[in-house]
Amino acid sequence: MEAHWETNTKGGAPFAVIALPDMEAEKNLLSLDIPDGLSLLVTHSFGGRVQGLKEFPKKDRPNVFILFWSFRLMVAIGFILLFVMVWAALLWRRGRLYGHRPFLRTLLILHPLGFVATELGG
């Protein structure tokens, strides 16, 4: 799900925030990385070793493009729902939660996103 192809031998593994994984070439065509970020997430150290996808047989690898982007969409939906809850808390504090029409319309539109996020992450 992280589109990490090479096992890092020198330093930490970068975390790809945005990438275009290419399964045929076994690399990411475009990538916006956080240096040592994946090592920190996986091993809790900046220089930790993270095994790359190339160490697994091709037949055992998932579709990296679909897995990479479905996970990121799931996380994005989670953040959207978090921001809507903060908005709800502010409206509730002001006593306007049930009468604020733009918020209620937003809830109608965003209602299915929880189900979509569940399917993307499952």
PDB file of N, CA and C in Angstrom:
ATOM      1  N   MET A   1       0.813  -1.184   0.000  1.00  0.00           N
ATOM      2  CA  MET A   1       0.000   0.000   0.000  1.00  0.00           C
ATOM      3  C   MET A   1       0.857   1.248   0.000  1.00  0.00           C
ATOM      4  N   GLU A   2       2.141   1.107   0.213  1.00  0.00           N
ATOM      5  CA  GLU A   2       3.020   2.270   0.228  1.00  0.00           C
ATOM      6  C   GLU A   2       3.844   2.405  -1.044  1.00  0.00           C
ATOM      7  N   ALA A   3       3.721   1.504  -1.999  1.00  0.00           N
ATOM      8  CA  ALA A   3       4.450   1.558  -3.264  1.00  0.00           C
ATOM      9  C   ALA A   3       5.951   1.700  -3.027  1.00  0.00           C
ATOM     10  N   HIS A   4       6.456   0.914  -2.105  1.00  0.00           N
ATOM     11  CA  HIS A   4       7.888   0.932  -1.763  1.00  0.00           C
ATOM     12  C   HIS A   4       8.538  -0.274  -2.455  1.00  0.00           C
ATOM     13  N   TRP A   5       9.337  -0.024  -3.469  1.00  0.00           N
ATOM     14  CA  TRP A   5       9.852  -1.090  -4.317  1.00  0.00           C
ATOM     15  C   TRP A   5      11.176  -1.660  -3.835  1.00  0.00           C
ATOM     16  N   GLU A   6      12.097  -0.814  -3.434  1.00  0.00           N
ATOM     17  CA  GLU A   6      13.452  -1.244  -3.063  1.00  0.00           C
ATOM     18  C   GLU A   6      13.595  -1.334  -1.544  1.00  0.00           C
ATOM     19  N   THR A   7      14.244  -2.393  -1.077  1.00  0.00           N
ATOM     20  CA  THR A   7      14.571  -2.477   0.341  1.00  0.00           C
ATOM     21  C   THR A   7      15.669  -1.474   0.620  1.00  0.00           C
ATOM     22  N   ASN A   8      15.472  -0.648   1.627  1.00  0.00           N
ATOM     23  CA  ASN A   8      16.468   0.382   1.926  1.00  0.00           C
ATOM     24  C   ASN A   8      17.656  -0.245   2.652  1.00  0.00           C
ATOM     25  N   THR A   9      18.831   0.040   2.156  1.00  0.00           N
ATOM     26  CA  THR A   9      20.052  -0.468   2.776  1.00  0.00           C
ATOM     27  C   THR A   9      20.873   0.650   3.391  1.00  0.00           C
ATOM     28  N   LYS A  10      20.716   1.851   2.883  1.00  0.00           N
ATOM     29  CA  LYS A  10      21.443   3.008   3.411  1.00  0.00           C
ATOM     30  C   LYS A  10      20.429   4.035   3.869  1.00  0.00           C
ATOM     31  N   GLY A  11      20.327   4.268   5.134  1.00  0.00           N
ATOM     32  CA  GLY A  11      19.381   5.253   5.646  1.00  0.00           C
ATOM     33  C   GLY A  11      17.964   4.722   5.672  1.00  0.00           C
ATOM     34  N   GLY A  12      17.032   5.623   5.929  1.00  0.00           N
ATOM     35  CA  GLY A  12      15.640   5.231   6.050  1.00  0.00           C
ATOM     36  C   GLY A  12      14.910   5.180   4.723  1.00  0.00           C
ATOM     37  N   ALA A  13      13.738   4.571   4.757  1.00  0.00           N
ATOM     38  CA  ALA A  13      12.893   4.456   3.574  1.00  0.00           C
ATOM     39  C   ALA A  13      11.958   5.664   3.503  1.00  0.00           C
ATOM     40  N   PRO A  14      11.817   6.283   2.331  1.00  0.00           N
ATOM     41  CA  PRO A  14      10.924   7.439   2.210  1.00  0.00           C
ATOM     42  C   PRO A  14       9.457   7.014   2.179  1.00  0.00           C
ATOM     43  N   PHE A  15       8.598   7.880   2.655  1.00  0.00           N
ATOM     44  CA  PHE A  15       7.155   7.668   2.614  1.00  0.00           C
ATOM     45  C   PHE A  15       6.600   8.426   1.416  1.00  0.00           C
ATOM     46  N   ALA A  16       5.984   7.713   0.495  1.00  0.00           N
ATOM     47  CA  ALA A  16       5.412   8.335  -0.708  1.00  0.00           C
ATOM     48  C   ALA A  16       4.025   8.879  -0.382  1.00  0.00           C
ATOM     49  N   VAL A  17       3.915  10.195  -0.321  1.00  0.00           N
ATOM     50  CA  VAL A  17       2.623  10.834  -0.051  1.00  0.00           C
ATOM     51  C   VAL A  17       1.744  10.710  -1.283  1.00  0.00           C
ATOM     52  N   ILE A  18       2.311  11.054  -2.422  1.00  0.00           N
ATOM     53  CA  ILE A  18       1.628  10.943  -3.714  1.00  0.00           C
ATOM     54  C   ILE A  18       2.594  10.276  -4.675  1.00  0.00           C
ATOM     55  N   ALA A  19       2.111   9.294  -5.417  1.00  0.00           N
ATOM     56  CA  ALA A  19       2.968   8.591  -6.373  1.00  0.00           C
ATOM     57  C   ALA A  19       2.125   7.995  -7.489  1.00  0.00           C
ATOM     58  N   LEU A  20       2.782   7.682  -8.585  1.00  0.00           N
ATOM     59  CA  LEU A  20       2.169   6.938  -9.683  1.00  0.00           C
ATOM     60  C   LEU A  20       2.946   5.628  -9.828  1.00  0.00           C
ATOM     61  N   PRO A  21       2.519   4.586  -9.120  1.00  0.00           N
ATOM     62  CA  PRO A  21       3.230   3.311  -9.184  1.00  0.00           C
ATOM     63  C   PRO A  21       3.105   2.655 -10.556  1.00  0.00           C
ATOM     64  N   ASP A  22       4.221   2.132 -11.062  1.00  0.00           N
ATOM     65  CA  ASP A  22       4.257   1.398 -12.322  1.00  0.00           C
ATOM     66  C   ASP A  22       4.706  -0.021 -12.015  1.00  0.00           C
ATOM     67  N   MET A  23       3.780  -0.972 -12.100  1.00  0.00           N
ATOM     68  CA  MET A  23       4.085  -2.355 -11.733  1.00  0.00           C
ATOM     69  C   MET A  23       5.012  -3.028 -12.727  1.00  0.00           C
ATOM     70  N   GLU A  24       4.929  -2.644 -13.993  1.00  0.00           N
ATOM     71  CA  GLU A  24       5.792  -3.261 -15.004  1.00  0.00           C
ATOM     72  C   GLU A  24       7.247  -2.843 -14.812  1.00  0.00           C
ATOM     73  N   ALA A  25       7.471  -1.555 -14.590  1.00  0.00           N
ATOM     74  CA  ALA A  25       8.832  -1.045 -14.412  1.00  0.00           C
ATOM     75  C   ALA A  25       9.326  -1.216 -12.977  1.00  0.00           C
ATOM     76  N   GLU A  26       8.429  -1.600 -12.068  1.00  0.00           N
ATOM     77  CA  GLU A  26       8.743  -1.779 -10.649  1.00  0.00           C
ATOM     78  C   GLU A  26       9.360  -0.528 -10.031  1.00  0.00           C
ATOM     79  N   LYS A  27       8.695   0.587 -10.287  1.00  0.00           N
ATOM     80  CA  LYS A  27       9.133   1.851  -9.701  1.00  0.00           C
ATOM     81  C   LYS A  27       7.958   2.818  -9.725  1.00  0.00           C
ATOM     82  N   ASN A  28       8.135   3.940  -9.050  1.00  0.00           N
ATOM     83  CA  ASN A  28       7.131   5.003  -9.071  1.00  0.00           C
ATOM     84  C   ASN A  28       7.550   6.031 -10.108  1.00  0.00           C
ATOM     85  N   LEU A  29       6.640   6.331 -11.031  1.00  0.00           N
ATOM     86  CA  LEU A  29       6.961   7.279 -12.097  1.00  0.00           C
ATOM     87  C   LEU A  29       7.119   8.684 -11.539  1.00  0.00           C
ATOM     88  N   LEU A  30       6.177   9.118 -10.753  1.00  0.00           N
ATOM     89  CA  LEU A  30       6.241  10.411 -10.070  1.00  0.00           C
ATOM     90  C   LEU A  30       6.030  10.138  -8.596  1.00  0.00           C
ATOM     91  N   SER A  31       6.730  10.866  -7.754  1.00  0.00           N
ATOM     92  CA  SER A  31       6.579  10.611  -6.329  1.00  0.00           C
ATOM     93  C   SER A  31       6.920  11.852  -5.516  1.00  0.00           C
ATOM     94  N   LEU A  32       6.067  12.152  -4.559  1.00  0.00           N
ATOM     95  CA  LEU A  32       6.325  13.197  -3.583  1.00  0.00           C
ATOM     96  C   LEU A  32       6.567  12.473  -2.261  1.00  0.00           C
ATOM     97  N   ASP A  33       7.823  12.485  -1.800  1.00  0.00           N
ATOM     98  CA  ASP A  33       8.223  11.669  -0.659  1.00  0.00           C
ATOM     99  C   ASP A  33       8.537  12.500   0.578  1.00  0.00           C
ATOM    100  N   ILE A  34       8.360  11.873   1.722  1.00  0.00           N
ATOM    101  CA  ILE A  34       8.846  12.398   2.992  1.00  0.00           C
ATOM    102  C   ILE A  34      10.057  11.534   3.352  1.00  0.00           C
ATOM    103  N   PRO A  35      11.254  12.117   3.385  1.00  0.00           N
ATOM    104  CA  PRO A  35      12.450  11.318   3.662  1.00  0.00           C
ATOM    105  C   PRO A  35      12.351  10.591   5.006  1.00  0.00           C
ATOM    106  N   ASP A  36      12.709   9.333   5.008  1.00  0.00           N
ATOM    107  CA  ASP A  36      12.735   8.469   6.196  1.00  0.00           C
ATOM    108  C   ASP A  36      11.362   8.286   6.835  1.00  0.00           C
ATOM    109  N   GLY A  37      10.301   8.751   6.215  1.00  0.00           N
ATOM    110  CA  GLY A  37       8.966   8.679   6.803  1.00  0.00           C
ATOM    111  C   GLY A  37       8.430   7.276   6.938  1.00  0.00           C
ATOM    112  N   LEU A  38       8.655   6.425   5.941  1.00  0.00           N
ATOM    113  CA  LEU A  38       8.153   5.058   6.005  1.00  0.00           C
ATOM    114  C   LEU A  38       8.896   4.257   7.063  1.00  0.00           C
ATOM    115  N   SER A  39      10.204   4.467   7.166  1.00  0.00           N
ATOM    116  CA  SER A  39      10.966   3.793   8.215  1.00  0.00           C
ATOM    117  C   SER A  39      10.444   4.175   9.594  1.00  0.00           C
ATOM    118  N   LEU A  40      10.129   5.439   9.775  1.00  0.00           N
ATOM    119  CA  LEU A  40       9.611   5.889  11.063  1.00  0.00           C
ATOM    120  C   LEU A  40       8.256   5.251  11.362  1.00  0.00           C
ATOM    121  N   LEU A  41       7.385   5.169  10.363  1.00  0.00           N
ATOM    122  CA  LEU A  41       6.075   4.552  10.559  1.00  0.00           C
ATOM    123  C   LEU A  41       6.174   3.060  10.855  1.00  0.00           C
ATOM    124  N   VAL A  42       7.040   2.358  10.139  1.00  0.00           N
ATOM    125  CA  VAL A  42       7.103   0.901  10.244  1.00  0.00           C
ATOM    126  C   VAL A  42       7.968   0.433  11.404  1.00  0.00           C
ATOM    127  N   THR A  43       9.142   1.040  11.571  1.00  0.00           N
ATOM    128  CA  THR A  43      10.096   0.535  12.562  1.00  0.00           C
ATOM    129  C   THR A  43      10.279   1.454  13.766  1.00  0.00           C
ATOM    130  N   HIS A  44       9.632   2.606  13.748  1.00  0.00           N
ATOM    131  CA  HIS A  44       9.747   3.605  14.828  1.00  0.00           C
ATOM    132  C   HIS A  44      11.158   4.158  14.976  1.00  0.00           C
ATOM    133  N   SER A  45      11.922   4.131  13.885  1.00  0.00           N
ATOM    134  CA  SER A  45      13.243   4.764  13.854  1.00  0.00           C
ATOM    135  C   SER A  45      13.460   5.315  12.450  1.00  0.00           C
ATOM    136  N   PHE A  46      14.250   6.389  12.369  1.00  0.00           N
ATOM    137  CA  PHE A  46      14.463   7.033  11.068  1.00  0.00           C
ATOM    138  C   PHE A  46      15.284   6.177  10.108  1.00  0.00           C
ATOM    139  N   GLY A  47      16.104   5.294  10.615  1.00  0.00           N
ATOM    140  CA  GLY A  47      16.952   4.491   9.744  1.00  0.00           C
ATOM    141  C   GLY A  47      16.529   3.040   9.655  1.00  0.00           C
ATOM    142  N   GLY A  48      15.322   2.723  10.090  1.00  0.00           N
ATOM    143  CA  GLY A  48      14.862   1.335  10.108  1.00  0.00           C
ATOM    144  C   GLY A  48      14.730   0.725   8.719  1.00  0.00           C
ATOM    145  N   ARG A  49      14.955  -0.579   8.642  1.00  0.00           N
ATOM    146  CA  ARG A  49      14.902  -1.303   7.367  1.00  0.00           C
ATOM    147  C   ARG A  49      13.453  -1.643   7.021  1.00  0.00           C
ATOM    148  N   VAL A  50      13.059  -1.311   5.789  1.00  0.00           N
ATOM    149  CA  VAL A  50      11.727  -1.629   5.283  1.00  0.00           C
ATOM    150  C   VAL A  50      11.905  -2.476   4.030  1.00  0.00           C
ATOM    151  N   GLN A  51      11.300  -3.638   4.031  1.00  0.00           N
ATOM    152  CA  GLN A  51      11.414  -4.555   2.904  1.00  0.00           C
ATOM    153  C   GLN A  51      10.637  -4.021   1.704  1.00  0.00           C
ATOM    154  N   GLY A  52      11.258  -4.060   0.531  1.00  0.00           N
ATOM    155  CA  GLY A  52      10.634  -3.565  -0.683  1.00  0.00           C
ATOM    156  C   GLY A  52       9.821  -4.632  -1.392  1.00  0.00           C
ATOM    157  N   LEU A  53       8.950  -4.208  -2.289  1.00  0.00           N
ATOM    158  CA  LEU A  53       8.092  -5.129  -3.038  1.00  0.00           C
ATOM    159  C   LEU A  53       8.887  -6.065  -3.949  1.00  0.00           C
ATOM    160  N   LYS A  54      10.054  -5.627  -4.397  1.00  0.00           N
ATOM    161  CA  LYS A  54      10.847  -6.459  -5.301  1.00  0.00           C
ATOM    162  C   LYS A  54      11.348  -7.738  -4.629  1.00  0.00           C
ATOM    163  N   GLU A  55      11.290  -7.806  -3.324  1.00  0.00           N
ATOM    164  CA  GLU A  55      11.734  -9.005  -2.609  1.00  0.00           C
ATOM    165  C   GLU A  55      10.675 -10.105  -2.621  1.00  0.00           C
ATOM    166  N   PHE A  56       9.498  -9.791  -3.121  1.00  0.00           N
ATOM    167  CA  PHE A  56       8.416 -10.764  -3.197  1.00  0.00           C
ATOM    168  C   PHE A  56       8.212 -11.170  -4.651  1.00  0.00           C
ATOM    169  N   PRO A  57       7.837 -12.407  -4.910  1.00  0.00           N
ATOM    170  CA  PRO A  57       7.569 -12.823  -6.294  1.00  0.00           C
ATOM    171  C   PRO A  57       6.433 -11.991  -6.891  1.00  0.00           C
ATOM    172  N   LYS A  58       6.523 -11.740  -8.193  1.00  0.00           N
ATOM    173  CA  LYS A  58       5.512 -10.908  -8.861  1.00  0.00           C
ATOM    174  C   LYS A  58       4.109 -11.466  -8.685  1.00  0.00           C
ATOM    175  N   LYS A  59       3.980 -12.772  -8.659  1.00  0.00           N
ATOM    176  CA  LYS A  59       2.646 -13.370  -8.537  1.00  0.00           C
ATOM    177  C   LYS A  59       2.023 -13.148  -7.161  1.00  0.00           C
ATOM    178  N   ASP A  60       2.838 -12.811  -6.172  1.00  0.00           N
ATOM    179  CA  ASP A  60       2.333 -12.584  -4.810  1.00  0.00           C
ATOM    180  C   ASP A  60       2.086 -11.111  -4.498  1.00  0.00           C
ATOM    181  N   ARG A  61       2.365 -10.238  -5.438  1.00  0.00           N
ATOM    182  CA  ARG A  61       2.190  -8.805  -5.208  1.00  0.00           C
ATOM    183  C   ARG A  61       0.766  -8.374  -5.553  1.00  0.00           C
ATOM    184  N   PRO A  62       0.216  -7.453  -4.763  1.00  0.00           N
ATOM    185  CA  PRO A  62      -1.105  -6.924  -5.112  1.00  0.00           C
ATOM    186  C   PRO A  62      -0.986  -5.907  -6.241  1.00  0.00           C
ATOM    187  N   ASN A  63      -2.116  -5.450  -6.727  1.00  0.00           N
ATOM    188  CA  ASN A  63      -2.108  -4.359  -7.700  1.00  0.00           C
ATOM    189  C   ASN A  63      -1.742  -3.096  -6.932  1.00  0.00           C
ATOM    190  N   VAL A  64      -0.519  -2.652  -7.076  1.00  0.00           N
ATOM    191  CA  VAL A  64       0.026  -1.571  -6.259  1.00  0.00           C
ATOM    192  C   VAL A  64      -0.701  -0.260  -6.519  1.00  0.00           C
ATOM    193  N   PHE A  65      -1.026   0.036  -7.762  1.00  0.00           N
ATOM    194  CA  PHE A  65      -1.691   1.299  -8.089  1.00  0.00           C
ATOM    195  C   PHE A  65      -3.032   1.400  -7.367  1.00  0.00           C
ATOM    196  N   ILE A  66      -3.846   0.361  -7.468  1.00  0.00           N
ATOM    197  CA  ILE A  66      -5.172   0.370  -6.837  1.00  0.00           C
ATOM    198  C   ILE A  66      -5.053   0.432  -5.327  1.00  0.00           C
ATOM    199  N   LEU A  67      -4.177  -0.369  -4.753  1.00  0.00           N
ATOM    200  CA  LEU A  67      -4.011  -0.394  -3.301  1.00  0.00           C
ATOM    201  C   LEU A  67      -3.489   0.943  -2.774  1.00  0.00           C
ATOM    202  N   PHE A  68      -2.506   1.519  -3.467  1.00  0.00           N
ATOM    203  CA  PHE A  68      -1.922   2.795  -3.054  1.00  0.00           C
ATOM    204  C   PHE A  68      -2.985   3.886  -3.015  1.00  0.00           C
ATOM    205  N   TRP A  69      -3.739   4.025  -4.101  1.00  0.00           N
ATOM    206  CA  TRP A  69      -4.701   5.121  -4.188  1.00  0.00           C
ATOM    207  C   TRP A  69      -5.965   4.869  -3.385  1.00  0.00           C
ATOM    208  N   SER A  70      -6.405   3.630  -3.246  1.00  0.00           N
ATOM    209  CA  SER A  70      -7.597   3.386  -2.421  1.00  0.00           C
ATOM    210  C   SER A  70      -7.305   3.708  -0.959  1.00  0.00           C
ATOM    211  N   PHE A  71      -6.097   3.406  -0.484  1.00  0.00           N
ATOM    212  CA  PHE A  71      -5.739   3.748   0.888  1.00  0.00           C
ATOM    213  C   PHE A  71      -5.723   5.259   1.076  1.00  0.00           C
ATOM    214  N   ARG A  72      -5.139   5.981   0.135  1.00  0.00           N
ATOM    215  CA  ARG A  72      -5.081   7.438   0.263  1.00  0.00           C
ATOM    216  C   ARG A  72      -6.471   8.071   0.207  1.00  0.00           C
ATOM    217  N   LEU A  73      -7.351   7.529  -0.625  1.00  0.00           N
ATOM    218  CA  LEU A  73      -8.728   8.032  -0.664  1.00  0.00           C
ATOM    219  C   LEU A  73      -9.451   7.755   0.655  1.00  0.00           C
ATOM    220  N   MET A  74      -9.217   6.586   1.240  1.00  0.00           N
ATOM    221  CA  MET A  74      -9.818   6.263   2.526  1.00  0.00           C
ATOM    222  C   MET A  74      -9.368   7.263   3.597  1.00  0.00           C
ATOM    223  N   VAL A  75      -8.076   7.554   3.627  1.00  0.00           N
ATOM    224  CA  VAL A  75      -7.546   8.505   4.609  1.00  0.00           C
ATOM    225  C   VAL A  75      -8.096   9.904   4.349  1.00  0.00           C
ATOM    226  N   ALA A  76      -8.200  10.315   3.091  1.00  0.00           N
ATOM    227  CA  ALA A  76      -8.750  11.635   2.758  1.00  0.00           C
ATOM    228  C   ALA A  76     -10.199  11.753   3.227  1.00  0.00           C
ATOM    229  N   ILE A  77     -10.982  10.709   3.025  1.00  0.00           N
ATOM    230  CA  ILE A  77     -12.371  10.720   3.495  1.00  0.00           C
ATOM    231  C   ILE A  77     -12.411  10.823   5.018  1.00  0.00           C
ATOM    232  N   GLY A  78     -11.505  10.134   5.687  1.00  0.00           N
ATOM    233  CA  GLY A  78     -11.430  10.234   7.141  1.00  0.00           C
ATOM    234  C   GLY A  78     -11.170  11.650   7.607  1.00  0.00           C
ATOM    235  N   PHE A  79     -10.272  12.348   6.935  1.00  0.00           N
ATOM    236  CA  PHE A  79      -9.988  13.738   7.301  1.00  0.00           C
ATOM    237  C   PHE A  79     -11.177  14.647   6.992  1.00  0.00           C
ATOM    238  N   ILE A  80     -11.853  14.420   5.882  1.00  0.00           N
ATOM    239  CA  ILE A  80     -13.048  15.210   5.562  1.00  0.00           C
ATOM    240  C   ILE A  80     -14.091  15.044   6.663  1.00  0.00           C
ATOM    241  N   LEU A  81     -14.324  13.807   7.084  1.00  0.00           N
ATOM    242  CA  LEU A  81     -15.305  13.556   8.133  1.00  0.00           C
ATOM    243  C   LEU A  81     -14.860  14.157   9.465  1.00  0.00           C
ATOM    244  N   LEU A  82     -13.577  14.156   9.736  1.00  0.00           N
ATOM    245  CA  LEU A  82     -13.061  14.790  10.950  1.00  0.00           C
ATOM    246  C   LEU A  82     -13.343  16.295  10.932  1.00  0.00           C
ATOM    247  N   PHE A  83     -13.079  16.949   9.806  1.00  0.00           N
ATOM    248  CA  PHE A  83     -13.333  18.384   9.702  1.00  0.00           C
ATOM    249  C   PHE A  83     -14.823  18.700   9.819  1.00  0.00           C
ATOM    250  N   VAL A  84     -15.674  17.831   9.287  1.00  0.00           N
ATOM    251  CA  VAL A  84     -17.126  18.033   9.422  1.00  0.00           C
ATOM    252  C   VAL A  84     -17.529  17.908  10.891  1.00  0.00           C
ATOM    253  N   MET A  85     -16.911  17.011  11.616  1.00  0.00           N
ATOM    254  CA  MET A  85     -17.225  16.873  13.047  1.00  0.00           C
ATOM    255  C   MET A  85     -16.763  18.094  13.843  1.00  0.00           C
ATOM    256  N   VAL A  86     -15.643  18.672  13.471  1.00  0.00           N
ATOM    257  CA  VAL A  86     -15.190  19.909  14.120  1.00  0.00           C
ATOM    258  C   VAL A  86     -16.189  21.028  13.827  1.00  0.00           C
ATOM    259  N   TRP A  87     -16.654  21.106  12.590  1.00  0.00           N
ATOM    260  CA  TRP A  87     -17.669  22.078  12.207  1.00  0.00           C
ATOM    261  C   TRP A  87     -18.935  21.861  13.035  1.00  0.00           C
ATOM    262  N   ALA A  88     -19.338  20.591  13.185  1.00  0.00           N
ATOM    263  CA  ALA A  88     -20.526  20.267  13.981  1.00  0.00           C
ATOM    264  C   ALA A  88     -20.345  20.698  15.435  1.00  0.00           C
ATOM    265  N   ALA A  89     -19.170  20.475  15.984  1.00  0.00           N
ATOM    266  CA  ALA A  89     -18.913  20.862  17.374  1.00  0.00           C
ATOM    267  C   ALA A  89     -19.009  22.376  17.546  1.00  0.00           C
ATOM    268  N   LEU A  90     -18.481  23.126  16.580  1.00  0.00           N
ATOM    269  CA  LEU A  90     -18.572  24.591  16.647  1.00  0.00           C
ATOM    270  C   LEU A  90     -20.026  25.064  16.562  1.00  0.00           C
ATOM    271  N   LEU A  91     -20.782  24.460  15.648  1.00  0.00           N
ATOM    272  CA  LEU A  91     -22.197  24.833  15.523  1.00  0.00           C
ATOM    273  C   LEU A  91     -22.977  24.448  16.772  1.00  0.00           C
ATOM    274  N   TRP A  92     -22.701  23.308  17.334  1.00  0.00           N
ATOM    275  CA  TRP A  92     -23.379  22.858  18.548  1.00  0.00           C
ATOM    276  C   TRP A  92     -23.092  23.815  19.708  1.00  0.00           C
ATOM    277  N   ARG A  93     -21.842  24.229  19.802  1.00  0.00           N
ATOM    278  CA  ARG A  93     -21.433  25.152  20.875  1.00  0.00           C
ATOM    279  C   ARG A  93     -22.175  26.485  20.769  1.00  0.00           C
ATOM    280  N   ARG A  94     -22.473  26.888  19.534  1.00  0.00           N
ATOM    281  CA  ARG A  94     -23.180  28.156  19.307  1.00  0.00           C
ATOM    282  C   ARG A  94     -24.695  27.983  19.315  1.00  0.00           C
ATOM    283  N   GLY A  95     -25.166  26.745  19.466  1.00  0.00           N
ATOM    284  CA  GLY A  95     -26.605  26.486  19.496  1.00  0.00           C
ATOM    285  C   GLY A  95     -27.265  26.544  18.139  1.00  0.00           C
ATOM    286  N   ARG A  96     -26.495  26.322  17.060  1.00  0.00           N
ATOM    287  CA  ARG A  96     -27.031  26.430  15.699  1.00  0.00           C
ATOM    288  C   ARG A  96     -26.926  25.120  14.923  1.00  0.00           C
ATOM    289  N   LEU A  97     -26.688  24.024  15.602  1.00  0.00           N
ATOM    290  CA  LEU A  97     -26.418  22.754  14.913  1.00  0.00           C
ATOM    291  C   LEU A  97     -27.583  22.298  14.034  1.00  0.00           C
ATOM    292  N   TYR A  98     -28.814  22.393  14.544  1.00  0.00           N
ATOM    293  CA  TYR A  98     -29.958  21.852  13.813  1.00  0.00           C
ATOM    294  C   TYR A  98     -30.611  22.845  12.860  1.00  0.00           C
ATOM    295  N   GLY A  99     -30.162  24.083  12.867  1.00  0.00           N
ATOM    296  CA  GLY A  99     -30.775  25.087  12.003  1.00  0.00           C
ATOM    297  C   GLY A  99     -29.850  25.654  10.940  1.00  0.00           C
ATOM    298  N   HIS A 100     -28.631  25.183  10.881  1.00  0.00           N
ATOM    299  CA  HIS A 100     -27.658  25.705   9.915  1.00  0.00           C
ATOM    300  C   HIS A 100     -27.779  24.909   8.617  1.00  0.00           C
ATOM    301  N   ARG A 101     -28.472  25.468   7.642  1.00  0.00           N
ATOM    302  CA  ARG A 101     -28.795  24.732   6.414  1.00  0.00           C
ATOM    303  C   ARG A 101     -27.566  24.263   5.621  1.00  0.00           C
ATOM    304  N   PRO A 102     -26.512  25.085   5.469  1.00  0.00           N
ATOM    305  CA  PRO A 102     -25.345  24.584   4.731  1.00  0.00           C
ATOM    306  C   PRO A 102     -24.721  23.341   5.395  1.00  0.00           C
ATOM    307  N   PHE A 103     -24.717  23.318   6.713  1.00  0.00           N
ATOM    308  CA  PHE A 103     -24.171  22.142   7.403  1.00  0.00           C
ATOM    309  C   PHE A 103     -25.053  20.917   7.161  1.00  0.00           C
ATOM    310  N   LEU A 104     -26.368  21.092   7.250  1.00  0.00           N
ATOM    311  CA  LEU A 104     -27.282  19.965   7.040  1.00  0.00           C
ATOM    312  C   LEU A 104     -27.202  19.444   5.600  1.00  0.00           C
ATOM    313  N   ARG A 105     -27.035  20.348   4.638  1.00  0.00           N
ATOM    314  CA  ARG A 105     -26.864  19.910   3.243  1.00  0.00           C
ATOM    315  C   ARG A 105     -25.547  19.145   3.073  1.00  0.00           C
ATOM    316  N   THR A 106     -24.511  19.627   3.754  1.00  0.00           N
ATOM    317  CA  THR A 106     -23.217  18.926   3.707  1.00  0.00           C
ATOM    318  C   THR A 106     -23.358  17.512   4.243  1.00  0.00           C
ATOM    319  N   LEU A 107     -24.113  17.350   5.337  1.00  0.00           N
ATOM    320  CA  LEU A 107     -24.325  16.007   5.886  1.00  0.00           C
ATOM    321  C   LEU A 107     -25.033  15.097   4.897  1.00  0.00           C
ATOM    322  N   LEU A 108     -26.000  15.646   4.167  1.00  0.00           N
ATOM    323  CA  LEU A 108     -26.699  14.841   3.159  1.00  0.00           C
ATOM    324  C   LEU A 108     -25.752  14.366   2.059  1.00  0.00           C
ATOM    325  N   ILE A 109     -24.882  15.260   1.639  1.00  0.00           N
ATOM    326  CA  ILE A 109     -23.950  14.919   0.565  1.00  0.00           C
ATOM    327  C   ILE A 109     -22.890  13.926   1.046  1.00  0.00           C
ATOM    328  N   LEU A 110     -22.396  14.140   2.267  1.00  0.00           N
ATOM    329  CA  LEU A 110     -21.298  13.310   2.778  1.00  0.00           C
ATOM    330  C   LEU A 110     -21.752  12.006   3.408  1.00  0.00           C
ATOM    331  N   HIS A 111     -23.046  11.814   3.553  1.00  0.00           N
ATOM    332  CA  HIS A 111     -23.568  10.626   4.226  1.00  0.00           C
ATOM    333  C   HIS A 111     -22.956   9.308   3.736  1.00  0.00           C
ATOM    334  N   PRO A 112     -22.852   9.055   2.439  1.00  0.00           N
ATOM    335  CA  PRO A 112     -22.325   7.763   1.989  1.00  0.00           C
ATOM    336  C   PRO A 112     -20.791   7.616   2.112  1.00  0.00           C
ATOM    337  N   LEU A 113     -20.080   8.687   2.446  1.00  0.00           N
ATOM    338  CA  LEU A 113     -18.622   8.597   2.451  1.00  0.00           C
ATOM    339  C   LEU A 113     -18.064   7.602   3.472  1.00  0.00           C
ATOM    340  N   GLY A 114     -18.739   7.426   4.585  1.00  0.00           N
ATOM    341  CA  GLY A 114     -18.289   6.441   5.567  1.00  0.00           C
ATOM    342  C   GLY A 114     -18.298   5.027   4.983  1.00  0.00           C
ATOM    343  N   PHE A 115     -19.325   4.711   4.231  1.00  0.00           N
ATOM    344  CA  PHE A 115     -19.425   3.404   3.580  1.00  0.00           C
ATOM    345  C   PHE A 115     -18.351   3.253   2.490  1.00  0.00           C
ATOM    346  N   VAL A 116     -18.130   4.331   1.746  1.00  0.00           N
ATOM    347  CA  VAL A 116     -17.109   4.315   0.694  1.00  0.00           C
ATOM    348  C   VAL A 116     -15.725   4.090   1.316  1.00  0.00           C
ATOM    349  N   ALA A 117     -15.444   4.790   2.410  1.00  0.00           N
ATOM    350  CA  ALA A 117     -14.150   4.629   3.081  1.00  0.00           C
ATOM    351  C   ALA A 117     -13.954   3.204   3.598  1.00  0.00           C
ATOM    352  N   THR A 118     -15.023   2.613   4.096  1.00  0.00           N
ATOM    353  CA  THR A 118     -14.954   1.231   4.576  1.00  0.00           C
ATOM    354  C   THR A 118     -14.608   0.277   3.437  1.00  0.00           C
ATOM    355  N   GLU A 119     -15.213   0.478   2.295  1.00  0.00           N
ATOM    356  CA  GLU A 119     -14.922  -0.386   1.151  1.00  0.00           C
ATOM    357  C   GLU A 119     -13.512  -0.156   0.608  1.00  0.00           C
ATOM    358  N   LEU A 120     -13.070   1.086   0.601  1.00  0.00           N
ATOM    359  CA  LEU A 120     -11.710   1.385   0.108  1.00  0.00           C
ATOM    360  C   LEU A 120     -10.653   0.762   1.011  1.00  0.00           C
ATOM    361  N   GLY A 121     -10.904   0.738   2.298  1.00  0.00           N
ATOM    362  CA  GLY A 121      -9.912   0.225   3.242  1.00  0.00           C
ATOM    363  C   GLY A 121     -10.049  -1.248   3.530  1.00  0.00           C
ATOM    364  N   GLY A 122     -11.099  -1.866   3.093  1.00  0.00           N
ATOM    365  CA  GLY A 122     -11.338  -3.269   3.444  1.00  0.00           C
ATOM    366  C   GLY A 122     -10.871  -4.166   2.382  1.00  0.00           C
TER     367      GLY A 122
END
